[in-house]
Protein backbone atom coordinates (compact mmCIF):
# COMPACT_ATOMS: atom_id res chain seq x y z
CA MET A 1 69.20 -108.20 118.00
CA ILE A 2 70.03 -108.55 114.32
CA ILE A 3 71.15 -112.18 114.71
CA HIS A 4 69.18 -114.89 116.49
CA GLU A 5 70.07 -118.50 117.25
CA SER A 6 67.20 -119.72 115.07
CA LEU A 7 68.81 -117.96 112.07
CA ILE A 8 71.93 -120.13 112.26
CA ASP A 9 72.63 -123.41 110.45
CA LEU A 10 75.95 -125.00 111.35
CA ASP A 11 75.55 -128.17 109.33
CA VAL A 12 74.68 -127.23 105.74
CA SER A 13 75.00 -130.20 103.42
CA SER A 14 73.67 -128.58 100.23
CA LYS A 15 75.96 -127.94 97.29
CA ASP A 16 73.66 -125.30 95.82
CA LYS A 17 73.75 -121.61 96.79
CA ASP A 18 70.11 -121.05 95.82
CA GLU A 19 69.00 -123.78 98.22
CA ILE A 20 71.18 -122.41 101.03
CA ILE A 21 69.83 -118.89 100.53
CA GLY A 22 66.28 -120.25 100.41
CA ASP A 23 66.73 -122.27 103.60
CA LEU A 24 68.15 -119.25 105.45
CA ALA A 25 65.31 -117.05 104.19
CA CYS A 26 62.79 -119.63 105.48
CA LYS A 27 64.38 -119.35 108.91
CA ALA A 28 63.98 -115.56 108.76
CA GLU A 29 60.35 -115.90 107.70
CA LYS A 30 59.61 -118.33 110.56
CA LEU A 31 61.14 -115.85 113.01
CA GLY A 32 58.93 -113.08 111.61
CA ARG A 33 61.72 -111.05 110.02
CA ILE A 34 60.27 -111.46 106.49
CA SER A 35 56.61 -111.03 105.53
CA GLY A 36 56.89 -112.42 102.00
CA ILE A 37 59.67 -114.87 101.25
CA VAL A 38 59.12 -114.90 97.46
CA GLY A 39 59.47 -111.11 97.22
CA TYR A 40 62.51 -111.09 99.47
CA LEU A 41 64.22 -113.90 97.54
CA GLN A 42 63.56 -112.06 94.30
CA ALA A 43 65.56 -109.09 95.64
CA VAL A 44 68.40 -111.38 96.77
CA PHE A 45 68.63 -113.27 93.48
CA GLU A 46 68.43 -110.10 91.38
CA TRP A 47 71.53 -108.84 93.20
CA GLU A 48 73.23 -112.23 92.84
CA GLU A 49 72.72 -112.07 89.07
CA LEU A 50 74.42 -108.67 88.91
CA PHE A 51 77.34 -109.32 91.26
CA SER A 52 78.96 -112.26 92.94
CA THR A 53 78.61 -111.92 96.69
CA ALA A 54 81.61 -114.18 97.35
CA ILE A 55 84.23 -111.90 98.89
CA GLY A 56 87.13 -114.30 99.42
CA TYR A 57 88.31 -116.16 102.54
CA GLY A 58 85.51 -118.69 101.92
CA ILE A 59 82.82 -116.08 102.63
CA ALA A 60 79.69 -115.00 100.76
CA ILE A 61 77.44 -112.15 101.86
CA PRO A 62 74.21 -112.27 99.82
CA TYR A 63 71.64 -109.68 100.73
CA GLY A 64 68.22 -108.36 99.92
CA LYS A 65 66.86 -104.89 100.50
CA SER A 66 63.11 -105.28 100.28
CA SER A 67 59.78 -104.04 101.55
CA TYR A 68 59.18 -107.67 102.58
CA VAL A 69 61.79 -107.39 105.32
CA LYS A 70 60.02 -106.37 108.52
CA ARG A 71 63.12 -106.29 110.73
CA PRO A 72 66.80 -106.31 109.74
CA PHE A 73 68.50 -109.67 110.14
CA ILE A 74 71.57 -111.73 109.44
CA ALA A 75 71.16 -115.46 108.90
CA PHE A 76 74.31 -117.56 108.97
CA ALA A 77 75.18 -120.92 107.47
CA LYS A 78 78.36 -122.94 107.67
CA SER A 79 78.80 -125.49 104.93
CA ASN A 80 80.37 -128.86 105.65
CA ARG A 81 82.51 -128.43 102.56
CA ALA A 82 83.40 -125.54 100.31
CA ILE A 83 81.08 -124.95 97.38
CA ILE A 84 81.50 -122.92 94.21
CA TRP A 85 79.38 -119.87 94.92
CA ASP A 86 79.13 -118.38 91.46
CA SER A 87 79.78 -119.90 88.05
CA ARG A 88 81.42 -116.59 87.02
CA SER A 89 84.25 -117.18 89.46
CA ASP A 90 86.00 -120.11 91.05
CA GLN A 91 85.64 -118.77 94.58
CA MET A 92 84.84 -121.47 97.08
CA VAL A 93 82.54 -120.62 100.00
CA ARG A 94 81.94 -122.20 103.41
CA PHE A 95 80.45 -119.29 105.35
CA ILE A 96 77.24 -117.63 104.17
CA PHE A 97 75.91 -114.47 105.80
CA LEU A 98 72.44 -113.68 104.41
CA ILE A 99 71.45 -110.10 105.16
CA GLY A 100 67.94 -108.72 105.03
CA VAL A 101 67.17 -105.02 105.38
CA PRO A 102 63.91 -103.12 104.99
CA GLU A 103 63.76 -101.07 101.82
CA GLU A 104 63.32 -97.82 103.74
CA LYS A 105 66.61 -98.40 105.61
CA GLY A 106 68.51 -97.91 102.34
CA ASN A 107 72.03 -99.09 101.69
CA GLU A 108 73.44 -97.54 104.85
CA LEU A 109 72.43 -100.41 107.14
CA HIS A 110 73.43 -103.11 104.65
CA LEU A 111 76.83 -101.51 104.16
CA LYS A 112 77.41 -101.14 107.90
CA ILE A 113 76.63 -104.82 108.45
CA ALA A 114 78.76 -105.97 105.51
CA VAL A 115 81.72 -103.83 106.59
CA ASN A 116 81.59 -105.25 110.13
CA ILE A 117 81.50 -108.79 108.77
CA LYS A 118 84.34 -108.22 106.30
CA ARG A 119 86.54 -106.40 108.80
CA SER A 120 86.10 -109.09 111.44
CA LEU A 121 86.59 -112.03 109.12
CA MET A 122 89.81 -110.69 107.67
CA ASN A 123 91.20 -111.91 110.99
CA ASP A 124 92.26 -115.56 110.73
CA SER A 125 91.38 -116.28 114.36
CA CYS A 126 87.80 -115.04 113.90
CA ARG A 127 87.30 -117.31 110.88
CA GLU A 128 88.84 -120.21 112.79
CA ARG A 129 86.45 -119.65 115.70
CA LEU A 130 83.55 -119.88 113.24
CA VAL A 131 84.99 -123.12 111.86
CA GLN A 132 85.23 -124.52 115.39
CA ALA A 133 81.81 -123.23 116.56
CA THR A 134 79.55 -126.14 117.45
CA SER A 135 76.53 -124.24 118.72
CA ALA A 136 74.38 -121.33 117.65
CA THR A 137 75.09 -119.73 121.03
CA LYS A 138 78.81 -119.60 120.24
CA VAL A 139 78.11 -118.09 116.81
CA VAL A 140 75.88 -115.41 118.34
CA ALA A 141 78.71 -114.55 120.74
CA ILE A 142 81.15 -114.23 117.81
CA PHE A 143 78.66 -111.95 116.03
CA GLY A 144 78.48 -109.85 119.19
CA GLU A 145 82.25 -109.40 119.09
CA MET A 146 81.88 -108.26 115.46
CA GLY A 147 79.56 -105.50 116.65
CA LEU A 148 76.48 -107.10 115.11
């Protein structure tokens, strides 16, 4: 499965996107989804420098396509309060979906995952269920409904 309960943080207190991304990447490394966290994070932050991954509705979808990703994954964090995701925009973010895909999978897998997330979270009730989710088990179930 692309999501796992150990890749979910429902109580993020950080105000810094780099720290949030780093914490989620650590979870993926501990689960064995990443073989080299530094190389993976380099791919994520290179993309972040080029484009803001905040997509509106309080959502950011940072990702890294890297040879350091052993198995595709989504790590999820819910922030206690909205944070400014990128200094280039004023978009506030509460939901962070960190995607990792192996380099050989290309953009196809990343795009499929991102489209499923975006399509599902355009629905107010889906976002509200994420706000109300109090356990990783509930979040995994919501991801399942998204087709992830």
